[in-house]
Amino acid sequence: MIAEAVRRELAEALGPKALLDREEDLRLYEFDGGVDKARPDVVVFPRSAEQAAAIARIAQKHKVPLVGRGAGTGLSGGAIPREGGIMVGFSRMNRILELDLENERAVVEPGVVNLELTNTVAPMGYFFAPDPSSQKACTIGGNVAENAGGPHTLVYGVTTNHVLGLEAVLPDGRVIQTGARWPDAAGYDLTGLLTGSEGTLALVTKVTVRLMKKPEAVKTFLAIYDSVDDCAATVSEITARAITPAALEMLDGTLLRMVEEATHAGYPLDAAGVLLIELEGVTEAVEDQAEQIKLACEACNAREFRTARSAQERDLLWKGRKNAFGAIGRVSPFFYVHDGVVPRTQIAPTLHEIGAIGNRHELTISNIFHAGDGNMHPIILFDARKPGDIEKAQRAGFDILEHCVKVGGSITGEHGIGMEKIDLMAKQFNEETLELMRKLKQVFDPAQLFNPGKLLPAGRGCAEIRQPPIVGPEDLL
């Protein structure tokens, strides 16, 4: 519990209508898209960088933990107030402040919904490239915190490739500006440092982003396979032909059946796997690459190769992909999503290993992922009402990520570390590297108040990794 003086000072700085502290309200802010839960003591809603700075100074004065939150769609516990304290919700800082189409730039507040920015500039022929599957709800501030990706990152990159500058509040209340309105600003790349730092170094209050012109031509394909090995082999075959699709997504048979029953997107119910492939660019190049893509799929034993014949067919295929998580609810009351990364050549062996891990833990695991860059998204189905199921799901996730590192990959591609993967960091990095990260955190946040208990293990070496924390059924129900 925080002191009454903290509540009083927050109300004075922001106004009484910018603060929530009733239990029924706080319950709405104790979770994200993962399985962990923890409740804040108070939630506040700044409308400006000055108000966010005032919140930081109050937290610093009273030594109260502080956690930023966008839309709460994260999947690694990044916005979970692990130690209680103050939660800073950015839903009221949701304005597009400036559009500079001549220079392909926009300046936005952190609470702007990702898709809203694209919808705003689409009539002028532009779009914002990062497109997480939650883009209808997730905010750009949250995308910056997690360095979010999405299906089209294969050609466009992740959030950091589209952020030019930031305004941010430091833990002591100072407001800084990083980067510039053009690429390659002078000095250290503080913009790159803060992007993906998961709210542990600063609170982002303004973002300058890059806008892009809509491509001249877009073609979307669905390749259907009777073997997941053939499906995975196609990814390497396309790369070997020097083609980089805008998107290259894979769904295994378990998941595509759930998706098709929910969305009727046209996915075959009897397939072992499918590839959703999209090309973008000038018309002539897209037409040429489309033929090469078809040949690559056929060379890897695709039983069928479909081309979306209209924008409506394309939208329906993408509806199936982007609404996949919702479709799972028709089959399983709970699910647990990971995002380990493996080299493209390891996709097929990793799918087999994920299947073996599922069998070992007696769990069904389905797969939907960004195959082009090896960003796996195993979805572990479980039932929190069954004793031991949560523990099995978390241990299965731990085993999958260990395997990703073992074959030369990473424990995250876009979801971040948060609190979910914190004890796997020592699998990814040696102690010297982790200690350097801790020292960097100390420079920004010596009191360790910004999003404590996230991203970095607290001084444990590689030999001291524990299994993931176990969440009880009462925490999820």
Protein backbone atom coordinates (compact mmCIF):
# COMPACT_ATOMS: atom_id res chain seq x y z
CA MET A 1 0.00 0.00 0.00
CA ILE A 2 1.18 3.50 -0.74
CA ALA A 3 0.92 6.36 1.73
CA GLU A 4 -2.05 8.69 1.69
CA ALA A 5 0.38 11.55 1.05
CA VAL A 6 1.25 9.99 -2.32
CA ARG A 7 -2.40 9.85 -3.36
CA ARG A 8 -2.94 13.41 -2.24
CA GLU A 9 0.07 14.74 -4.15
CA LEU A 10 -0.94 12.84 -7.30
CA ALA A 11 -4.47 14.25 -7.12
CA GLU A 12 -3.09 17.76 -6.65
CA ALA A 13 -0.76 17.38 -9.64
CA LEU A 14 -3.27 15.80 -12.03
CA GLY A 15 -6.73 16.53 -10.66
CA PRO A 16 -9.03 14.05 -8.86
CA LYS A 17 -10.56 12.70 -12.09
CA ALA A 18 -7.15 11.54 -13.32
CA LEU A 19 -6.71 8.97 -10.54
CA LEU A 20 -8.21 5.54 -9.79
CA ASP A 21 -7.71 3.76 -6.48
CA ARG A 22 -10.89 1.74 -5.83
CA GLU A 23 -10.39 -2.00 -5.78
CA GLU A 24 -12.94 -2.62 -8.53
CA ASP A 25 -11.08 -0.18 -10.78
CA LEU A 26 -7.61 -1.48 -9.98
CA ARG A 27 -8.62 -5.02 -10.92
CA LEU A 28 -8.84 -3.86 -14.55
CA TYR A 29 -5.13 -2.99 -14.53
CA GLU A 30 -3.64 -6.08 -12.89
CA PHE A 31 -3.06 -8.10 -16.07
CA ASP A 32 -1.92 -7.94 -19.68
CA GLY A 33 -2.14 -10.51 -22.47
CA GLY A 34 0.03 -13.03 -20.59
CA VAL A 35 -0.69 -15.18 -17.54
CA ASP A 36 0.85 -13.11 -14.73
CA LYS A 37 -1.13 -10.75 -12.51
CA ALA A 38 -0.33 -8.06 -9.94
CA ARG A 39 -2.40 -5.08 -8.85
CA PRO A 40 -1.26 -1.44 -8.71
CA ASP A 41 -2.03 0.71 -5.69
CA VAL A 42 -3.16 3.61 -7.84
CA VAL A 43 -3.60 4.32 -11.57
CA VAL A 44 -3.06 7.82 -12.91
CA PHE A 45 -3.70 9.33 -16.34
CA PRO A 46 -1.43 12.21 -17.38
CA ARG A 47 -2.31 14.46 -20.30
CA SER A 48 1.15 15.92 -20.92
CA ALA A 49 4.86 15.37 -20.43
CA GLU A 50 4.75 17.90 -17.60
CA GLN A 51 2.17 15.85 -15.74
CA ALA A 52 4.12 12.63 -16.39
CA ALA A 53 7.21 14.36 -15.00
CA ALA A 54 5.28 15.41 -11.89
CA ILE A 55 4.25 11.78 -11.35
CA ALA A 56 7.88 10.64 -11.65
CA ARG A 57 9.01 13.25 -9.11
CA ILE A 58 6.33 12.14 -6.64
CA ALA A 59 7.37 8.49 -7.08
CA GLN A 60 11.02 9.46 -6.59
CA LYS A 61 10.26 11.54 -3.49
CA HIS A 62 8.34 8.73 -1.78
CA LYS A 63 10.38 5.84 -3.26
CA VAL A 64 7.27 4.29 -4.84
CA PRO A 65 7.54 1.90 -7.84
CA LEU A 66 6.15 3.23 -11.12
CA VAL A 67 4.98 1.28 -14.18
CA GLY A 68 3.82 2.67 -17.54
CA ARG A 69 0.94 1.09 -19.43
CA GLY A 70 -0.42 1.48 -22.93
CA ALA A 71 -3.35 -0.73 -23.96
CA GLY A 72 -2.30 -3.74 -21.88
CA THR A 73 -1.97 -6.03 -24.93
CA GLY A 74 1.61 -7.09 -24.11
CA LEU A 75 2.42 -10.77 -23.74
CA SER A 76 5.38 -10.89 -21.35
CA GLY A 77 4.14 -9.08 -18.24
CA GLY A 78 5.86 -5.82 -19.14
CA ALA A 79 2.98 -3.68 -17.86
CA ILE A 80 2.29 -5.76 -14.76
CA PRO A 81 2.96 -3.77 -11.54
CA ARG A 82 5.01 -6.53 -9.96
CA GLU A 83 5.65 -4.51 -6.78
CA GLY A 84 2.44 -2.50 -6.77
CA GLY A 85 2.87 1.26 -6.63
CA ILE A 86 1.84 3.78 -9.28
CA MET A 87 0.64 2.76 -12.71
CA VAL A 88 0.80 5.47 -15.40
CA GLY A 89 -1.86 4.91 -18.04
CA PHE A 90 -1.33 6.82 -21.29
CA SER A 91 -4.84 6.45 -22.71
CA ARG A 92 -5.49 10.21 -22.41
CA MET A 93 -2.31 11.12 -24.28
CA ASN A 94 -3.75 9.92 -27.57
CA ARG A 95 -3.33 12.77 -30.05
CA ILE A 96 -1.64 12.79 -33.43
CA LEU A 97 0.23 16.05 -32.94
CA GLU A 98 1.69 16.60 -36.39
CA LEU A 99 1.64 15.12 -39.87
CA ASP A 100 4.51 16.08 -42.19
CA LEU A 101 3.77 14.07 -45.30
CA GLU A 102 6.27 15.93 -47.45
CA ASN A 103 9.03 14.59 -45.20
CA GLU A 104 7.17 11.35 -44.39
CA ARG A 105 7.05 12.03 -40.65
CA ALA A 106 4.44 12.12 -37.88
CA VAL A 107 4.61 13.16 -34.25
CA VAL A 108 2.26 11.30 -31.92
CA GLU A 109 1.54 10.87 -28.24
CA PRO A 110 2.13 7.40 -26.76
CA GLY A 111 -1.56 6.55 -26.38
CA VAL A 112 -2.29 6.70 -30.12
CA VAL A 113 -3.57 3.33 -31.30
CA ASN A 114 -1.27 1.78 -33.91
CA LEU A 115 -3.92 1.25 -36.58
CA GLU A 116 -5.40 4.71 -36.01
CA LEU A 117 -2.24 6.31 -37.38
CA THR A 118 -2.36 4.23 -40.56
CA ASN A 119 -6.08 4.90 -40.99
CA THR A 120 -5.45 8.63 -40.63
CA VAL A 121 -2.77 8.82 -43.33
CA ALA A 122 -4.15 6.12 -45.65
CA PRO A 123 -6.34 8.52 -47.68
CA MET A 124 -3.15 10.46 -48.51
CA GLY A 125 -1.37 7.30 -49.69
CA TYR A 126 0.76 6.57 -46.59
CA PHE A 127 0.92 4.00 -43.78
CA PHE A 128 2.77 3.22 -40.55
CA ALA A 129 4.67 -0.01 -41.18
CA PRO A 130 4.89 -1.79 -37.78
CA ASP A 131 1.70 -3.88 -37.61
CA PRO A 132 1.45 -6.14 -34.53
CA SER A 133 -1.46 -8.56 -34.64
CA SER A 134 -3.01 -6.45 -31.87
CA GLN A 135 -2.72 -3.25 -33.96
CA LYS A 136 -6.45 -2.52 -33.60
CA ALA A 137 -5.87 -2.01 -29.88
CA CYS A 138 -2.16 -1.66 -29.06
CA THR A 139 -0.64 1.80 -28.71
CA ILE A 140 2.47 3.27 -30.27
CA GLY A 141 3.94 3.97 -26.83
CA GLY A 142 3.61 0.29 -25.99
CA ASN A 143 5.09 -0.63 -29.38
CA VAL A 144 8.11 1.54 -28.54
CA ALA A 145 8.48 0.01 -25.08
CA GLU A 146 8.47 -3.54 -26.42
CA ASN A 147 10.03 -2.84 -29.84
CA ALA A 148 6.99 -4.57 -31.31
CA GLY A 149 7.01 -6.31 -34.66
CA GLY A 150 4.25 -7.90 -36.71
CA PRO A 151 3.70 -9.93 -39.88
CA HIS A 152 5.31 -7.35 -42.19
CA THR A 153 8.58 -6.93 -40.28
CA LEU A 154 10.40 -9.22 -42.71
CA VAL A 155 10.71 -6.40 -45.22
CA TYR A 156 9.97 -3.30 -43.14
CA GLY A 157 11.67 -4.12 -39.84
CA VAL A 158 10.38 -3.70 -36.29
CA THR A 159 9.33 -0.57 -34.40
CA THR A 160 12.87 0.72 -33.85
CA ASN A 161 13.33 0.99 -37.63
CA HIS A 162 10.46 3.49 -37.76
CA VAL A 163 11.13 5.66 -34.71
CA LEU A 164 13.17 8.79 -35.39
CA GLY A 165 12.99 10.53 -32.04
CA LEU A 166 11.43 10.49 -28.59
CA GLU A 167 10.41 12.78 -25.80
CA ALA A 168 10.76 10.94 -22.51
CA VAL A 169 10.57 11.48 -18.76
CA LEU A 170 13.46 10.20 -16.67
CA PRO A 171 12.92 8.72 -13.19
CA ASP A 172 13.95 12.00 -11.52
CA GLY A 173 11.35 13.95 -13.52
CA ARG A 174 13.65 15.48 -16.13
CA VAL A 175 12.29 15.56 -19.68
CA ILE A 176 14.68 14.66 -22.51
CA GLN A 177 14.51 14.63 -26.30
CA THR A 178 16.34 12.01 -28.34
CA GLY A 179 16.98 11.56 -32.04
CA ALA A 180 15.77 14.01 -34.65
CA ARG A 181 13.26 14.43 -37.47
CA TRP A 182 15.64 12.75 -39.88
CA PRO A 183 17.68 9.51 -39.78
CA ASP A 184 21.15 9.23 -38.27
CA ALA A 185 21.02 11.98 -35.65
CA ALA A 186 24.30 13.00 -33.98
CA GLY A 187 25.56 11.49 -30.74
CA TYR A 188 24.72 8.23 -29.02
CA ASP A 189 21.63 6.44 -30.29
CA LEU A 190 19.48 7.11 -27.23
CA THR A 191 16.34 6.58 -29.31
CA GLY A 192 17.47 3.04 -30.09
CA LEU A 193 18.38 2.46 -26.46
CA LEU A 194 14.98 3.51 -25.14
CA THR A 195 13.07 1.63 -27.85
CA GLY A 196 12.63 -1.86 -26.44
CA SER A 197 13.73 -0.93 -22.89
CA GLU A 198 10.29 -1.97 -21.61
CA GLY A 199 9.70 1.11 -19.46
CA THR A 200 12.68 0.38 -17.21
CA LEU A 201 14.62 3.53 -18.17
CA ALA A 202 12.07 6.24 -18.98
CA LEU A 203 8.43 7.03 -19.74
CA VAL A 204 7.94 7.92 -23.40
CA THR A 205 5.62 10.92 -23.84
CA LYS A 206 6.06 11.76 -27.53
CA VAL A 207 7.19 9.76 -30.57
CA THR A 208 8.41 10.96 -33.97
CA VAL A 209 7.78 8.15 -36.45
CA ARG A 210 8.55 7.46 -40.08
CA LEU A 211 5.62 7.14 -42.49
CA MET A 212 5.85 5.20 -45.73
CA LYS A 213 4.17 5.45 -49.10
CA LYS A 214 1.70 2.72 -49.94
CA PRO A 215 3.17 0.23 -52.41
CA GLU A 216 2.08 0.36 -56.02
CA ALA A 217 1.09 -3.31 -56.08
CA VAL A 218 0.24 -5.96 -53.48
CA LYS A 219 -0.28 -9.68 -54.05
CA THR A 220 -1.25 -12.21 -51.39
CA PHE A 221 -0.92 -16.00 -51.67
CA LEU A 222 -1.85 -19.06 -49.66
CA ALA A 223 0.34 -22.16 -50.09
CA ILE A 224 -1.10 -25.38 -48.69
CA TYR A 225 0.96 -28.38 -47.51
CA ASP A 226 0.47 -31.93 -46.31
CA SER A 227 3.76 -31.77 -44.37
CA VAL A 228 5.03 -29.13 -41.93
CA ASP A 229 8.57 -30.02 -43.02
CA ASP A 230 7.76 -29.06 -46.62
CA CYS A 231 6.01 -25.94 -45.40
CA ALA A 232 9.06 -24.89 -43.37
CA ALA A 233 11.48 -25.80 -46.17
CA THR A 234 9.71 -23.35 -48.47
CA VAL A 235 10.86 -20.46 -46.28
CA SER A 236 14.50 -21.26 -47.00
CA GLU A 237 13.72 -21.93 -50.66
CA ILE A 238 12.18 -18.48 -51.10
CA THR A 239 15.19 -16.87 -49.41
CA ALA A 240 17.57 -18.84 -51.64
CA ARG A 241 15.83 -17.30 -54.65
CA ALA A 242 16.77 -13.82 -53.36
CA ILE A 243 13.16 -12.84 -52.68
CA THR A 244 12.13 -11.00 -49.53
CA PRO A 245 8.35 -11.03 -49.20
CA ALA A 246 6.60 -8.29 -47.27
CA ALA A 247 5.15 -11.05 -45.09
CA LEU A 248 5.72 -14.78 -44.77
CA GLU A 249 3.49 -16.35 -42.12
CA MET A 250 3.05 -20.00 -41.19
CA LEU A 251 0.12 -21.71 -39.46
CA ASP A 252 0.23 -25.36 -38.49
CA GLY A 253 -2.72 -27.68 -38.94
CA THR A 254 -3.85 -27.48 -35.32
CA LEU A 255 -4.19 -23.74 -35.42
CA LEU A 256 -5.48 -23.26 -38.94
CA ARG A 257 -8.45 -25.50 -38.11
CA MET A 258 -9.29 -23.31 -35.11
CA VAL A 259 -8.92 -20.18 -37.24
CA GLU A 260 -11.00 -21.50 -40.12
CA GLU A 261 -13.87 -22.60 -37.90
CA ALA A 262 -13.98 -19.12 -36.37
CA THR A 263 -13.33 -16.86 -39.37
CA HIS A 264 -14.16 -18.92 -42.50
CA ALA A 265 -11.14 -17.37 -44.20
CA GLY A 266 -10.76 -20.24 -46.66
CA TYR A 267 -8.01 -22.23 -44.92
CA PRO A 268 -8.21 -25.99 -45.67
CA LEU A 269 -9.21 -28.05 -42.65
CA ASP A 270 -7.19 -31.11 -43.69
CA ALA A 271 -3.80 -29.44 -44.26
CA ALA A 272 -0.73 -29.98 -42.10
CA GLY A 273 0.27 -26.35 -42.55
CA VAL A 274 -0.09 -23.27 -44.70
CA LEU A 275 2.05 -20.30 -45.67
CA LEU A 276 0.46 -16.87 -46.00
CA ILE A 277 2.75 -14.92 -48.32
CA GLU A 278 2.53 -11.30 -49.39
CA LEU A 279 4.53 -9.33 -51.93
CA GLU A 280 4.61 -5.55 -52.23
CA GLY A 281 6.37 -3.16 -54.60
CA VAL A 282 6.24 -1.91 -58.17
CA THR A 283 3.88 -3.88 -60.39
CA GLU A 284 6.49 -5.45 -62.67
CA ALA A 285 8.67 -6.67 -59.79
CA VAL A 286 5.70 -8.11 -57.91
CA GLU A 287 4.51 -10.00 -60.99
CA ASP A 288 7.97 -11.49 -61.55
CA GLN A 289 8.44 -12.43 -57.90
CA ALA A 290 4.96 -13.96 -57.76
CA GLU A 291 5.99 -16.52 -60.36
CA GLN A 292 9.18 -17.27 -58.44
CA ILE A 293 7.22 -17.68 -55.21
CA LYS A 294 4.88 -20.15 -56.89
CA LEU A 295 7.80 -22.16 -58.24
CA ALA A 296 9.46 -22.21 -54.80
CA CYS A 297 6.29 -23.51 -53.18
CA GLU A 298 5.81 -26.18 -55.83
CA ALA A 299 9.46 -27.23 -55.48
CA CYS A 300 8.75 -27.91 -51.81
CA ASN A 301 5.67 -30.02 -52.53
CA ALA A 302 2.90 -27.51 -51.94
CA ARG A 303 -0.28 -29.32 -52.85
CA GLU A 304 -2.05 -26.08 -53.79
CA PHE A 305 -1.06 -22.46 -54.44
CA ARG A 306 -3.80 -19.84 -54.29
CA THR A 307 -3.69 -16.16 -55.21
CA ALA A 308 -6.10 -13.70 -53.58
CA ARG A 309 -8.09 -12.34 -56.53
CA SER A 310 -9.42 -9.23 -54.82
CA ALA A 311 -8.86 -6.93 -51.87
CA GLN A 312 -11.75 -8.70 -50.14
CA GLU A 313 -10.07 -12.11 -50.47
CA ARG A 314 -6.78 -10.64 -49.24
CA ASP A 315 -8.51 -9.06 -46.23
CA LEU A 316 -10.21 -12.35 -45.41
CA LEU A 317 -6.92 -14.25 -45.38
CA TRP A 318 -5.38 -11.63 -43.12
CA LYS A 319 -8.47 -11.66 -40.93
CA GLY A 320 -7.77 -15.32 -40.28
CA ARG A 321 -4.15 -14.58 -39.36
CA LYS A 322 -4.75 -11.51 -37.20
CA ASN A 323 -7.78 -12.90 -35.38
CA ALA A 324 -6.09 -16.20 -34.59
CA PHE A 325 -5.80 -15.60 -30.85
CA GLY A 326 -9.51 -14.90 -30.59
CA ALA A 327 -10.26 -18.09 -32.47
CA ILE A 328 -8.40 -20.14 -29.87
CA GLY A 329 -11.01 -19.22 -27.28
CA ARG A 330 -13.49 -21.47 -29.09
CA VAL A 331 -11.30 -24.46 -28.26
CA SER A 332 -9.39 -23.69 -25.06
CA PRO A 333 -10.39 -21.49 -22.09
CA PHE A 334 -6.77 -20.43 -21.52
CA PHE A 335 -3.63 -20.22 -23.63
CA TYR A 336 -0.04 -19.11 -23.18
CA VAL A 337 1.89 -17.49 -26.06
CA HIS A 338 5.66 -17.34 -26.53
CA ASP A 339 7.89 -15.77 -29.18
CA GLY A 340 11.26 -17.42 -29.39
CA VAL A 341 13.37 -16.95 -32.51
CA VAL A 342 15.33 -19.59 -34.44
CA PRO A 343 17.36 -19.53 -37.67
CA ARG A 344 15.15 -20.22 -40.70
CA THR A 345 16.90 -23.55 -41.25
CA GLN A 346 15.82 -24.62 -37.75
CA ILE A 347 12.09 -23.99 -38.19
CA ALA A 348 11.15 -27.58 -39.04
CA PRO A 349 13.31 -29.20 -36.31
CA THR A 350 11.97 -26.67 -33.79
CA LEU A 351 8.37 -27.49 -34.71
CA HIS A 352 9.14 -31.15 -34.06
CA GLU A 353 10.74 -30.25 -30.73
CA ILE A 354 7.72 -28.15 -29.75
CA GLY A 355 5.53 -31.15 -30.51
CA ALA A 356 7.74 -33.36 -28.35
CA ILE A 357 7.63 -30.82 -25.50
CA GLY A 358 3.84 -30.75 -25.75
CA ASN A 359 3.70 -34.54 -25.54
CA ARG A 360 6.10 -34.56 -22.61
CA HIS A 361 3.93 -32.14 -20.67
CA GLU A 362 0.65 -33.64 -21.96
CA LEU A 363 -0.42 -30.34 -23.55
CA THR A 364 -1.63 -29.32 -26.99
CA ILE A 365 0.65 -26.71 -28.58
CA SER A 366 -0.33 -24.99 -31.82
CA ASN A 367 1.90 -22.74 -33.91
CA ILE A 368 1.38 -19.51 -35.81
CA PHE A 369 4.44 -17.41 -36.53
CA HIS A 370 6.50 -15.06 -38.67
CA ALA A 371 8.28 -17.77 -40.63
CA GLY A 372 10.30 -15.35 -42.73
CA ASP A 373 12.46 -14.27 -39.80
CA GLY A 374 12.09 -17.43 -37.69
CA ASN A 375 10.00 -15.70 -35.00
CA MET A 376 8.09 -18.64 -33.51
CA HIS A 377 4.80 -18.16 -31.65
CA PRO A 378 3.96 -21.49 -29.99
CA ILE A 379 0.55 -21.27 -28.32
CA ILE A 380 0.22 -23.58 -25.35
CA LEU A 381 -3.36 -24.58 -24.58
CA PHE A 382 -4.23 -25.32 -20.96
CA ASP A 383 -7.07 -25.16 -18.45
CA ALA A 384 -6.38 -23.19 -15.27
CA ARG A 385 -9.23 -25.05 -13.59
CA LYS A 386 -7.30 -28.32 -13.78
CA PRO A 387 -4.73 -28.77 -11.01
CA GLY A 388 -1.20 -28.59 -12.36
CA ASP A 389 -2.10 -27.35 -15.84
CA ILE A 390 -0.68 -23.85 -15.37
CA GLU A 391 2.58 -25.24 -14.05
CA LYS A 392 2.85 -27.56 -17.04
CA ALA A 393 2.17 -24.73 -19.48
CA GLN A 394 4.82 -22.49 -17.94
CA ARG A 395 7.42 -25.26 -17.86
CA ALA A 396 6.65 -26.16 -21.47
CA GLY A 397 7.21 -22.52 -22.43
CA PHE A 398 10.52 -22.48 -20.57
CA ASP A 399 11.64 -25.64 -22.40
CA ILE A 400 10.72 -24.18 -25.80
CA LEU A 401 12.72 -21.00 -25.24
CA GLU A 402 15.71 -22.98 -23.96
CA HIS A 403 15.64 -24.91 -27.22
CA CYS A 404 15.49 -21.68 -29.27
CA VAL A 405 18.68 -20.44 -27.61
CA LYS A 406 20.34 -23.83 -27.99
CA VAL A 407 19.92 -23.79 -31.78
CA GLY A 408 21.29 -20.26 -32.15
CA GLY A 409 18.14 -18.20 -31.64
CA SER A 410 16.69 -15.85 -29.05
CA ILE A 411 14.18 -15.89 -26.19
CA THR A 412 12.16 -13.09 -27.77
CA GLY A 413 11.56 -11.55 -31.16
CA GLU A 414 8.96 -8.91 -30.36
CA HIS A 415 7.09 -9.60 -27.12
CA GLY A 416 9.93 -8.50 -24.84
CA ILE A 417 11.32 -10.05 -21.66
CA GLY A 418 9.06 -8.50 -19.05
CA MET A 419 8.73 -10.67 -15.97
CA GLU A 420 7.88 -13.80 -17.94
CA LYS A 421 11.35 -14.49 -19.38
CA ILE A 422 13.56 -12.69 -16.89
CA ASP A 423 15.22 -15.87 -15.67
CA LEU A 424 16.04 -16.96 -19.20
CA MET A 425 18.21 -13.89 -19.80
CA ALA A 426 21.20 -15.76 -18.37
CA LYS A 427 20.64 -18.42 -21.02
CA GLN A 428 20.96 -15.75 -23.69
CA PHE A 429 23.77 -13.60 -22.24
CA ASN A 430 26.83 -14.19 -20.08
CA GLU A 431 27.13 -12.56 -16.66
CA GLU A 432 29.49 -9.84 -17.91
CA THR A 433 26.90 -8.68 -20.44
CA LEU A 434 24.09 -8.77 -17.90
CA GLU A 435 26.18 -6.76 -15.45
CA LEU A 436 26.76 -4.09 -18.10
CA MET A 437 22.98 -3.90 -18.63
CA ARG A 438 22.45 -3.51 -14.88
CA LYS A 439 24.95 -0.66 -14.77
CA LEU A 440 23.11 1.05 -17.62
CA LYS A 441 19.85 0.70 -15.70
CA GLN A 442 21.60 2.22 -12.67
CA VAL A 443 22.63 5.30 -14.69
CA PHE A 444 19.03 6.06 -15.64
CA ASP A 445 17.25 4.79 -12.53
CA PRO A 446 19.54 4.58 -9.48
CA ALA A 447 16.59 4.08 -7.11
CA GLN A 448 15.33 1.15 -9.27
CA LEU A 449 11.76 2.50 -9.28
CA PHE A 450 10.86 2.34 -13.00
CA ASN A 451 9.19 -0.99 -13.79
CA PRO A 452 11.13 -2.95 -11.17
CA GLY A 453 11.53 -6.69 -11.50
CA LYS A 454 11.46 -6.61 -15.30
CA LEU A 455 13.92 -7.38 -18.09
CA LEU A 456 17.04 -8.02 -15.98
CA PRO A 457 17.62 -10.86 -13.50
CA ALA A 458 18.61 -9.50 -10.11
CA GLY A 459 22.27 -10.49 -10.02
CA ARG A 460 21.87 -14.21 -10.70
CA GLY A 461 24.47 -15.87 -12.84
CA CYS A 462 23.99 -18.61 -15.41
CA ALA A 463 24.35 -21.34 -12.83
CA GLU A 464 21.59 -19.88 -10.70
CA ILE A 465 18.69 -19.86 -13.13
CA ARG A 466 15.49 -21.05 -11.58
CA GLN A 467 12.43 -22.41 -13.30
CA PRO A 468 9.77 -19.82 -14.15
CA PRO A 469 7.55 -18.50 -11.33
CA ILE A 470 4.38 -20.48 -11.04
CA VAL A 471 1.07 -18.68 -11.23
CA GLY A 472 -1.74 -20.35 -9.32
CA PRO A 473 -5.22 -21.04 -10.73
CA GLU A 474 -6.67 -18.45 -8.34
CA ASP A 475 -4.55 -15.82 -10.07
CA LEU A 476 -6.10 -16.46 -13.46
CA LEU A 477 -9.72 -17.14 -12.62
